[in-house]
Amino acid sequence: MFAMPALLNPSTTQLWGHSATDWGIVVVFATVYLGMFLGGLPRLKLDRSGVALLGAIAVIALTGESVEDAARTIDLPTIVLLFAFMVVAAQLRLGGFYAAVARWVGGKPLSPGGLLAALITAAAALSAVFSNDIICLAMTPVVVQLCLRRGHNPVPYLLGLACAANIGSAATLIGNPQNMLIGSVLKLDFAAYVRYALPPVVISLGVLWLWLWLVKGPGGALTLPPYTPPLAVSQHASDDEPPFDRFQTIKGLLVAGALLIIFLFTDWPREVAALVGAGVLLLSRRLHSADVMGYVDWPLLLLFMGLFVVNHALDKTGLAGEAVAWLATQGVHLRDPGALLVVGVALSNLVSNVPAVMLLLPHLEPGGQAGMALALITTLAGNLLLVGSIANLIVVDLARKSGIAVDWRQHAAVGIPVTLMTLAVVGLWVH
């Protein structure tokens, strides 16, 4: 295969020790991460995945490297693991499992505070295995219905759902995309990470409940507000949820349980085991493979691949390494838990969790505690602002379709204090 000639000749136009190609890559990189921050690029119909893809195309053209070389920069085990667990999650959603869990919790004779605790626990536990975004997609319409039927204000419960899904997903290396990436690239042990992350996650869930119930509850925040959405509107968002299918649910849970056992007690490659599990689920006489594949988040996979290519191109320029070295001369070392916490929180809320992790990973040592701390920090940081996590946006969007308005101020009243308190827990834990 012939390599494409570079659009900028690296042997010409030197500036501060770097070629014009290097600075061209920096411009592409900055544009891509501006797109990560904005959610797209102004005046263009591009989302984050489209921006990442165009960035990858641009650096291939700038450097003149072959498509094969660019493909080698993609961490295939991470992509395979993500895809496989999307299939597992799709199986259980098509089986109506997540909504059934929410309805089962809501059917218990619980007080408002008890219902809040039960929903937080259920969302966190499910998110630790099946991804926080999927849990929020499936549970939000059901939570709205439960609250309206009981005469409760849905907003605190919805905020609890979003925050709990984010917190719970930090408990394992398969709870969210950034944790899958960290675990795959840094070769973290699954069981060791669970032992490391579970205590601060459990404490953080307690902090979330206490803030919502003790601070918000006595003031009447959990009682029904004067405005009640019309029932026809509030039911709309749950119309698309598949009915509960016992066989498909059991099938999905057996595969998920087997994978957890493999991850916890063997050293088999996680991506291979997960791919085999996905293959087992696709062998079905009832669920069409096209329906399952329809729940795979293809744009997210594309986002990962594009960012792998762009970040690798920047890394090859040496500029990122020079920036980290300069920070070290200023006393800022990314292996230091305090510095990692500040940088991780800032980047996660500037460009979102996954891009932030991709920026920081090359500067961390495989198998160390810094990688475990990064997984906790970047996940919990997603609760700080409404735009800090896709799970937050999913809850708000589905709530709006149900006639419930949740704005950034309401989220900030919960998200900011809860995030600061949970990060303080993590800060004490990682030291």
Protein backbone atom coordinates (compact mmCIF):
# COMPACT_ATOMS: atom_id res chain seq x y z
CA MET A 1 0.00 0.00 0.00
CA PHE A 2 1.20 3.48 -0.83
CA ALA A 3 1.24 6.05 1.95
CA MET A 4 -0.48 9.32 1.23
CA PRO A 5 1.97 12.21 0.83
CA ALA A 6 1.90 14.65 3.73
CA LEU A 7 0.15 17.92 3.00
CA LEU A 8 2.77 19.71 5.08
CA ASN A 9 6.42 18.82 4.61
CA PRO A 10 7.89 18.05 8.04
CA SER A 11 11.37 18.93 6.84
CA THR A 12 10.41 22.55 6.28
CA THR A 13 9.10 25.44 8.34
CA GLN A 14 10.62 24.72 11.75
CA LEU A 15 9.28 26.67 14.71
CA TRP A 16 10.50 26.20 18.28
CA GLY A 17 11.97 22.85 17.29
CA HIS A 18 8.79 21.51 15.69
CA SER A 19 7.76 21.19 12.05
CA ALA A 20 4.80 22.75 10.29
CA THR A 21 3.20 19.30 10.27
CA ASP A 22 3.44 19.17 14.06
CA TRP A 23 1.73 22.51 14.43
CA GLY A 24 -0.88 21.50 11.87
CA ILE A 25 -1.65 18.49 14.05
CA VAL A 26 -1.91 20.79 17.06
CA VAL A 27 -4.50 22.90 15.20
CA VAL A 28 -6.50 19.78 14.33
CA PHE A 29 -6.22 18.52 17.90
CA ALA A 30 -7.38 21.87 19.33
CA THR A 31 -10.31 21.97 16.90
CA VAL A 32 -11.35 18.43 17.79
CA TYR A 33 -11.28 19.15 21.51
CA LEU A 34 -13.14 22.39 20.99
CA GLY A 35 -15.79 20.19 19.39
CA MET A 36 -15.69 17.92 22.44
CA PHE A 37 -16.29 20.96 24.65
CA LEU A 38 -19.10 22.42 22.55
CA GLY A 39 -20.68 19.10 21.57
CA GLY A 40 -20.01 19.93 17.92
CA LEU A 41 -18.64 22.74 15.77
CA PRO A 42 -20.42 26.07 15.18
CA ARG A 43 -22.49 26.32 11.97
CA LEU A 44 -21.87 22.67 11.11
CA LYS A 45 -24.20 19.71 11.61
CA LEU A 46 -21.56 17.74 13.46
CA ASP A 47 -21.77 16.01 16.81
CA ARG A 48 -18.76 14.88 18.86
CA SER A 49 -18.40 11.65 16.88
CA GLY A 50 -18.40 13.52 13.57
CA VAL A 51 -15.78 15.95 14.85
CA ALA A 52 -13.54 13.08 16.02
CA LEU A 53 -13.89 11.30 12.66
CA LEU A 54 -13.01 14.43 10.67
CA GLY A 55 -10.08 15.04 13.01
CA ALA A 56 -8.75 11.54 12.30
CA ILE A 57 -9.11 12.12 8.56
CA ALA A 58 -7.28 15.44 8.84
CA VAL A 59 -4.27 14.05 10.72
CA ILE A 60 -3.97 11.14 8.27
CA ALA A 61 -3.88 13.67 5.43
CA LEU A 62 -1.41 15.93 7.26
CA THR A 63 1.05 13.23 8.22
CA GLY A 64 0.78 11.14 5.07
CA GLU A 65 0.57 7.93 7.08
CA SER A 66 -1.32 4.98 5.65
CA VAL A 67 -4.80 4.02 6.80
CA GLU A 68 -3.30 0.77 8.11
CA ASP A 69 -0.87 2.71 10.31
CA ALA A 70 -3.68 4.91 11.59
CA ALA A 71 -5.77 1.83 12.38
CA ARG A 72 -2.93 0.41 14.46
CA THR A 73 -3.21 3.39 16.83
CA ILE A 74 -6.73 2.26 17.82
CA ASP A 75 -6.85 0.12 20.96
CA LEU A 76 -8.88 -2.75 19.52
CA PRO A 77 -9.48 -4.56 22.85
CA THR A 78 -11.24 -1.45 24.18
CA ILE A 79 -13.46 -1.19 21.09
CA VAL A 80 -14.30 -4.90 21.21
CA LEU A 81 -15.12 -4.77 24.94
CA LEU A 82 -17.35 -1.73 24.45
CA PHE A 83 -19.18 -3.36 21.55
CA ALA A 84 -19.68 -6.65 23.38
CA PHE A 85 -21.17 -5.04 26.48
CA MET A 86 -23.43 -2.89 24.33
CA VAL A 87 -24.83 -6.15 22.95
CA VAL A 88 -25.29 -7.57 26.48
CA ALA A 89 -27.02 -4.36 27.59
CA ALA A 90 -29.22 -4.41 24.47
CA GLN A 91 -30.30 -7.98 25.21
CA LEU A 92 -31.55 -6.99 28.66
CA ARG A 93 -33.21 -3.82 27.45
CA LEU A 94 -35.07 -5.73 24.73
CA GLY A 95 -36.08 -8.18 27.45
CA GLY A 96 -37.57 -5.29 29.46
CA PHE A 97 -35.32 -6.04 32.44
CA TYR A 98 -34.32 -2.51 33.46
CA ALA A 99 -37.85 -1.11 33.41
CA ALA A 100 -39.09 -4.19 35.28
CA VAL A 101 -36.56 -3.56 38.06
CA ALA A 102 -37.72 0.07 38.37
CA ARG A 103 -41.36 -1.03 38.49
CA TRP A 104 -40.57 -3.70 41.09
CA VAL A 105 -38.87 -1.13 43.30
CA GLY A 106 -41.73 1.29 42.83
CA GLY A 107 -44.26 -1.36 43.77
CA LYS A 108 -42.85 -1.71 47.28
CA PRO A 109 -44.66 0.07 50.14
CA LEU A 110 -41.84 2.53 50.77
CA SER A 111 -41.78 6.03 52.20
CA PRO A 112 -40.56 8.82 49.89
CA GLY A 113 -37.10 8.59 51.44
CA GLY A 114 -37.14 4.81 51.23
CA LEU A 115 -38.19 4.91 47.57
CA LEU A 116 -35.38 7.37 46.84
CA ALA A 117 -32.85 5.09 48.54
CA ALA A 118 -34.15 2.04 46.68
CA LEU A 119 -33.99 3.78 43.29
CA ILE A 120 -30.48 5.07 43.98
CA THR A 121 -29.33 1.59 44.99
CA ALA A 122 -30.94 -0.11 41.98
CA ALA A 123 -29.59 2.44 39.48
CA ALA A 124 -26.08 2.24 40.93
CA ALA A 125 -25.98 -1.57 41.03
CA LEU A 126 -27.26 -1.92 37.47
CA SER A 127 -24.91 0.79 36.18
CA ALA A 128 -21.90 -1.01 37.61
CA VAL A 129 -22.52 -3.85 35.16
CA PHE A 130 -24.66 -2.60 32.29
CA SER A 131 -23.44 1.02 31.74
CA ASN A 132 -24.88 4.18 33.24
CA ASP A 133 -26.24 5.56 29.96
CA ILE A 134 -28.30 2.43 29.26
CA ILE A 135 -29.77 2.41 32.77
CA CYS A 136 -30.80 6.07 32.51
CA LEU A 137 -32.42 5.45 29.12
CA ALA A 138 -34.51 2.58 30.44
CA MET A 139 -35.36 3.79 33.95
CA THR A 140 -36.14 7.51 33.48
CA PRO A 141 -39.66 7.15 31.99
CA VAL A 142 -40.57 4.53 34.62
CA VAL A 143 -39.33 6.71 37.49
CA VAL A 144 -41.46 9.61 36.22
CA GLN A 145 -44.54 7.38 36.18
CA LEU A 146 -43.86 5.99 39.65
CA CYS A 147 -43.45 9.45 41.15
CA LEU A 148 -46.60 10.85 39.56
CA ARG A 149 -48.70 7.90 40.69
CA ARG A 150 -47.40 8.27 44.26
CA GLY A 151 -47.80 12.07 44.31
CA HIS A 152 -44.07 12.75 44.56
CA ASN A 153 -42.10 15.47 42.81
CA PRO A 154 -40.15 13.54 40.10
CA VAL A 155 -37.26 16.01 39.92
CA PRO A 156 -35.28 14.93 43.03
CA TYR A 157 -35.76 11.28 42.08
CA LEU A 158 -34.59 11.92 38.53
CA LEU A 159 -31.54 13.81 39.77
CA GLY A 160 -30.88 10.94 42.16
CA LEU A 161 -31.15 8.49 39.26
CA ALA A 162 -28.64 10.40 37.12
CA CYS A 163 -26.13 10.93 39.92
CA ALA A 164 -26.47 7.36 41.22
CA ALA A 165 -25.96 5.93 37.73
CA ASN A 166 -22.73 7.89 37.39
CA ILE A 167 -21.50 7.00 40.88
CA GLY A 168 -22.43 3.32 40.56
CA SER A 169 -20.70 2.98 37.20
CA ALA A 170 -17.41 3.88 38.90
CA ALA A 171 -17.51 0.63 40.90
CA THR A 172 -16.25 -1.58 38.06
CA LEU A 173 -14.14 -1.43 34.92
CA ILE A 174 -17.21 -2.11 32.76
CA GLY A 175 -19.61 0.45 34.25
CA ASN A 176 -18.91 3.17 31.70
CA PRO A 177 -16.84 3.72 28.53
CA GLN A 178 -13.97 5.60 30.18
CA ASN A 179 -13.48 2.86 32.77
CA MET A 180 -13.39 0.22 30.03
CA LEU A 181 -10.74 2.30 28.28
CA ILE A 182 -8.65 2.76 31.43
CA GLY A 183 -8.86 -0.91 32.35
CA SER A 184 -7.92 -2.08 28.86
CA VAL A 185 -5.06 0.33 28.17
CA LEU A 186 -3.49 0.22 31.65
CA LYS A 187 -4.07 -3.54 32.09
CA LEU A 188 -5.83 -3.11 35.43
CA ASP A 189 -6.91 -6.18 37.37
CA PHE A 190 -10.73 -6.31 37.49
CA ALA A 191 -11.08 -7.74 41.02
CA ALA A 192 -8.39 -5.45 42.44
CA TYR A 193 -10.18 -2.42 41.00
CA VAL A 194 -13.53 -3.48 42.48
CA ARG A 195 -11.94 -3.83 45.92
CA TYR A 196 -10.33 -0.41 45.49
CA ALA A 197 -13.41 1.43 44.16
CA LEU A 198 -16.31 -0.15 46.03
CA PRO A 199 -15.82 1.56 49.45
CA PRO A 200 -15.73 5.15 48.13
CA VAL A 201 -18.59 4.37 45.72
CA VAL A 202 -20.81 3.06 48.53
CA ILE A 203 -19.97 6.06 50.73
CA SER A 204 -20.67 8.40 47.82
CA LEU A 205 -24.11 6.86 47.27
CA GLY A 206 -24.83 7.48 50.94
CA VAL A 207 -23.73 11.10 50.51
CA LEU A 208 -26.09 11.47 47.53
CA TRP A 209 -29.08 10.10 49.46
CA LEU A 210 -28.33 12.23 52.51
CA TRP A 211 -28.10 15.40 50.44
CA LEU A 212 -31.33 14.72 48.53
CA TRP A 213 -33.32 13.52 51.55
CA LEU A 214 -32.01 15.36 54.60
CA VAL A 215 -31.27 18.65 52.82
CA LYS A 216 -34.01 18.65 50.20
CA GLY A 217 -36.62 16.31 51.68
CA PRO A 218 -37.81 18.10 54.85
CA GLY A 219 -38.31 21.29 52.84
CA GLY A 220 -40.95 19.61 50.72
CA ALA A 221 -38.84 18.90 47.64
CA LEU A 222 -40.06 15.29 47.47
CA THR A 223 -43.76 16.21 47.51
CA LEU A 224 -45.75 16.82 44.36
CA PRO A 225 -45.44 20.39 43.00
CA PRO A 226 -48.60 22.35 42.08
CA TYR A 227 -48.24 21.48 38.38
CA THR A 228 -48.94 17.89 37.39
CA PRO A 229 -48.16 16.94 33.77
CA PRO A 230 -51.10 15.51 31.80
CA LEU A 231 -51.10 11.71 32.02
CA ALA A 232 -51.13 11.34 28.25
CA VAL A 233 -47.94 13.38 28.01
CA SER A 234 -46.20 11.70 30.91
CA GLN A 235 -46.84 8.24 29.48
CA HIS A 236 -45.41 9.09 26.09
CA ALA A 237 -41.76 8.39 26.89
CA SER A 238 -42.46 4.88 28.19
CA ASP A 239 -44.38 3.71 25.13
CA ASP A 240 -41.23 2.52 23.37
CA GLU A 241 -39.96 0.38 26.25
CA PRO A 242 -40.17 -3.35 25.37
CA PRO A 243 -42.43 -5.51 27.58
CA PHE A 244 -40.82 -7.80 30.11
CA ASP A 245 -39.63 -11.10 28.60
CA ARG A 246 -38.58 -13.61 31.26
CA PHE A 247 -36.63 -15.89 28.89
CA GLN A 248 -34.61 -13.11 27.24
CA THR A 249 -33.90 -11.53 30.62
CA ILE A 250 -32.66 -14.79 32.14
CA LYS A 251 -30.52 -15.43 29.06
CA GLY A 252 -28.92 -11.98 29.32
CA LEU A 253 -28.39 -12.23 33.08
CA LEU A 254 -26.74 -15.66 32.77
CA VAL A 255 -24.26 -14.31 30.20
CA ALA A 256 -23.60 -11.16 32.25
CA GLY A 257 -23.12 -13.22 35.42
CA ALA A 258 -20.74 -15.61 33.67
CA LEU A 259 -18.69 -12.67 32.38
CA LEU A 260 -18.45 -11.15 35.86
CA ILE A 261 -17.22 -14.46 37.27
CA ILE A 262 -14.62 -14.69 34.49
CA PHE A 263 -13.47 -11.12 35.07
CA LEU A 264 -13.24 -11.55 38.85
CA PHE A 265 -11.64 -14.97 39.11
CA THR A 266 -9.66 -15.60 35.93
CA ASP A 267 -7.02 -13.83 33.88
CA TRP A 268 -8.75 -14.54 30.56
CA PRO A 269 -8.71 -11.58 28.16
CA ARG A 270 -11.81 -9.55 29.04
CA GLU A 271 -12.49 -8.46 25.49
CA VAL A 272 -12.41 -12.05 24.17
CA ALA A 273 -14.71 -13.35 26.91
CA ALA A 274 -17.14 -10.47 26.38
CA LEU A 275 -17.15 -11.01 22.61
CA VAL A 276 -17.97 -14.71 23.08
CA GLY A 277 -20.79 -13.71 25.44
CA ALA A 278 -22.16 -11.28 22.85
CA GLY A 279 -22.00 -14.03 20.24
CA VAL A 280 -24.03 -16.35 22.46
CA LEU A 281 -26.71 -13.69 22.86
CA LEU A 282 -26.90 -13.05 19.12
CA LEU A 283 -27.79 -16.73 18.63
CA SER A 284 -31.50 -16.25 19.14
CA ARG A 285 -34.73 -17.53 17.63
CA ARG A 286 -36.77 -14.63 19.02
CA LEU A 287 -34.67 -11.47 18.91
CA HIS A 288 -33.50 -10.44 15.46
CA SER A 289 -29.83 -9.48 15.36
CA ALA A 290 -30.77 -6.22 13.63
CA ASP A 291 -32.88 -5.26 16.66
CA VAL A 292 -29.98 -5.97 19.02
CA MET A 293 -27.51 -4.09 16.80
CA GLY A 294 -29.91 -1.15 16.76
CA TYR A 295 -29.11 -0.58 20.43
CA VAL A 296 -25.34 -0.56 19.86
CA ASP A 297 -23.99 2.97 20.22
CA TRP A 298 -22.09 3.08 16.93
CA PRO A 299 -21.35 6.84 17.16
CA LEU A 300 -19.62 6.27 20.52
CA LEU A 301 -17.42 3.55 19.00
CA LEU A 302 -16.60 5.95 16.16
CA LEU A 303 -15.76 8.68 18.70
CA PHE A 304 -13.29 6.36 20.42
CA MET A 305 -11.58 5.38 17.16
CA GLY A 306 -11.30 8.96 15.93
CA LEU A 307 -9.83 10.19 19.21
CA PHE A 308 -7.32 7.33 19.29
CA VAL A 309 -5.97 8.47 15.91
CA VAL A 310 -5.92 12.19 16.78
CA ASN A 311 -4.34 11.70 20.20
CA HIS A 312 -1.67 9.37 18.84
CA ALA A 313 -0.75 11.94 16.18
CA LEU A 314 -0.33 14.62 18.86
CA ASP A 315 1.71 12.24 21.01
CA LYS A 316 4.10 11.62 18.11
CA THR A 317 4.84 15.34 17.85
CA GLY A 318 6.33 15.24 21.35
CA LEU A 319 4.42 18.35 22.36
CA ALA A 320 2.21 16.56 24.85
CA GLY A 321 5.24 15.01 26.53
CA GLU A 322 6.92 18.41 26.68
CA ALA A 323 3.82 19.91 28.30
CA VAL A 324 3.74 17.18 30.95
CA ALA A 325 7.49 17.63 31.55
CA TRP A 326 6.97 21.38 31.96
CA LEU A 327 4.18 20.74 34.48
CA ALA A 328 6.56 18.47 36.39
CA THR A 329 9.09 21.32 36.65
CA GLN A 330 6.29 23.38 38.21
CA GLY A 331 5.70 20.66 40.79
CA VAL A 332 2.60 19.20 39.10
CA HIS A 333 3.02 15.43 38.69
CA LEU A 334 0.12 13.46 37.24
CA ARG A 335 1.07 10.43 39.33
CA ASP A 336 0.33 12.54 42.41
CA PRO A 337 -3.31 11.90 43.53
CA GLY A 338 -3.98 15.57 44.28
CA ALA A 339 -2.77 16.80 40.91
CA LEU A 340 -4.58 13.99 39.10
CA LEU A 341 -7.81 14.87 40.91
CA VAL A 342 -7.66 18.55 39.93
CA VAL A 343 -6.64 17.90 36.32
CA GLY A 344 -9.09 15.02 35.92
CA VAL A 345 -12.07 17.01 37.23
CA ALA A 346 -11.20 20.06 35.12
CA LEU A 347 -10.72 18.13 31.88
CA SER A 348 -13.80 15.95 32.44
CA ASN A 349 -16.01 19.01 32.66
CA LEU A 350 -14.29 20.81 29.79
CA VAL A 351 -14.26 18.09 27.14
CA SER A 352 -16.25 15.21 28.78
CA ASN A 353 -15.01 12.05 30.47
CA VAL A 354 -13.83 9.93 27.55
CA PRO A 355 -11.73 12.62 25.81
CA ALA A 356 -10.27 13.64 29.19
CA VAL A 357 -9.21 10.06 29.92
CA MET A 358 -7.67 9.70 26.47
CA LEU A 359 -5.57 12.79 27.08
CA LEU A 360 -4.29 11.59 30.44
CA LEU A 361 -3.77 7.87 29.82
CA PRO A 362 -0.45 8.10 27.93
CA HIS A 363 1.13 9.76 30.96
CA LEU A 364 0.17 7.11 33.53
CA GLU A 365 1.95 3.87 34.28
CA PRO A 366 0.19 0.55 33.52
CA GLY A 367 -1.14 -1.38 36.49
CA GLY A 368 -0.65 1.43 39.01
CA GLN A 369 -3.08 3.05 41.42
CA ALA A 370 -3.07 6.25 39.38
CA GLY A 371 -5.20 4.52 36.75
CA MET A 372 -7.67 3.34 39.38
CA ALA A 373 -7.86 6.84 40.84
CA LEU A 374 -8.41 8.29 37.35
CA ALA A 375 -11.38 5.98 36.79
CA LEU A 376 -13.01 7.11 40.03
CA ILE A 377 -12.22 10.80 39.57
CA THR A 378 -13.37 11.23 35.97
CA THR A 379 -16.58 9.28 36.57
CA LEU A 380 -17.63 11.16 39.71
CA ALA A 381 -16.68 14.46 38.06
CA GLY A 382 -19.48 13.85 35.57
CA ASN A 383 -22.03 14.82 38.23
CA LEU A 384 -20.64 18.35 38.66
CA LEU A 385 -22.46 20.00 35.75
CA LEU A 386 -25.45 18.98 33.68
CA VAL A 387 -23.26 18.70 30.56
CA GLY A 388 -20.57 16.72 32.39
CA SER A 389 -22.13 13.34 31.65
CA ILE A 390 -24.23 11.89 28.84
CA ALA A 391 -26.28 10.10 31.52
CA ASN A 392 -27.35 13.50 32.92
CA LEU A 393 -28.46 14.71 29.51
CA ILE A 394 -30.37 11.49 28.82
CA VAL A 395 -32.37 11.88 32.04
CA VAL A 396 -33.17 15.54 31.34
CA ASP A 397 -34.18 14.85 27.73
CA LEU A 398 -36.47 11.93 28.59
CA ALA A 399 -37.95 13.84 31.53
CA ARG A 400 -38.82 16.71 29.20
CA LYS A 401 -40.62 14.29 26.87
CA SER A 402 -42.61 13.17 29.92
CA GLY A 403 -43.59 16.77 30.69
CA ILE A 404 -41.08 17.24 33.54
CA ALA A 405 -38.64 20.15 33.25
CA VAL A 406 -35.23 19.72 34.86
CA ASP A 407 -32.91 22.67 34.24
CA TRP A 408 -29.23 23.23 34.91
CA ARG A 409 -29.92 25.18 38.10
CA GLN A 410 -31.83 22.28 39.64
CA HIS A 411 -29.07 19.91 38.64
CA ALA A 412 -26.36 22.24 39.98
CA ALA A 413 -28.12 22.46 43.37
CA VAL A 414 -27.56 18.72 43.70
CA GLY A 415 -24.67 17.98 41.35
CA ILE A 416 -22.15 20.54 42.62
CA PRO A 417 -22.34 19.79 46.37
CA VAL A 418 -22.63 16.03 45.80
CA THR A 419 -19.65 16.03 43.44
CA LEU A 420 -17.50 18.08 45.80
CA MET A 421 -18.35 15.79 48.72
CA THR A 422 -17.84 12.57 46.77
CA LEU A 423 -14.54 13.81 45.33
CA ALA A 424 -13.47 14.66 48.88
CA VAL A 425 -14.23 11.03 49.79
CA VAL A 426 -12.12 9.86 46.83
CA GLY A 427 -9.35 12.31 47.72
CA LEU A 428 -9.11 10.88 51.23
CA TRP A 429 -9.31 7.34 49.87
CA VAL A 430 -6.56 7.60 47.25
CA HIS A 431 -4.01 9.26 49.56
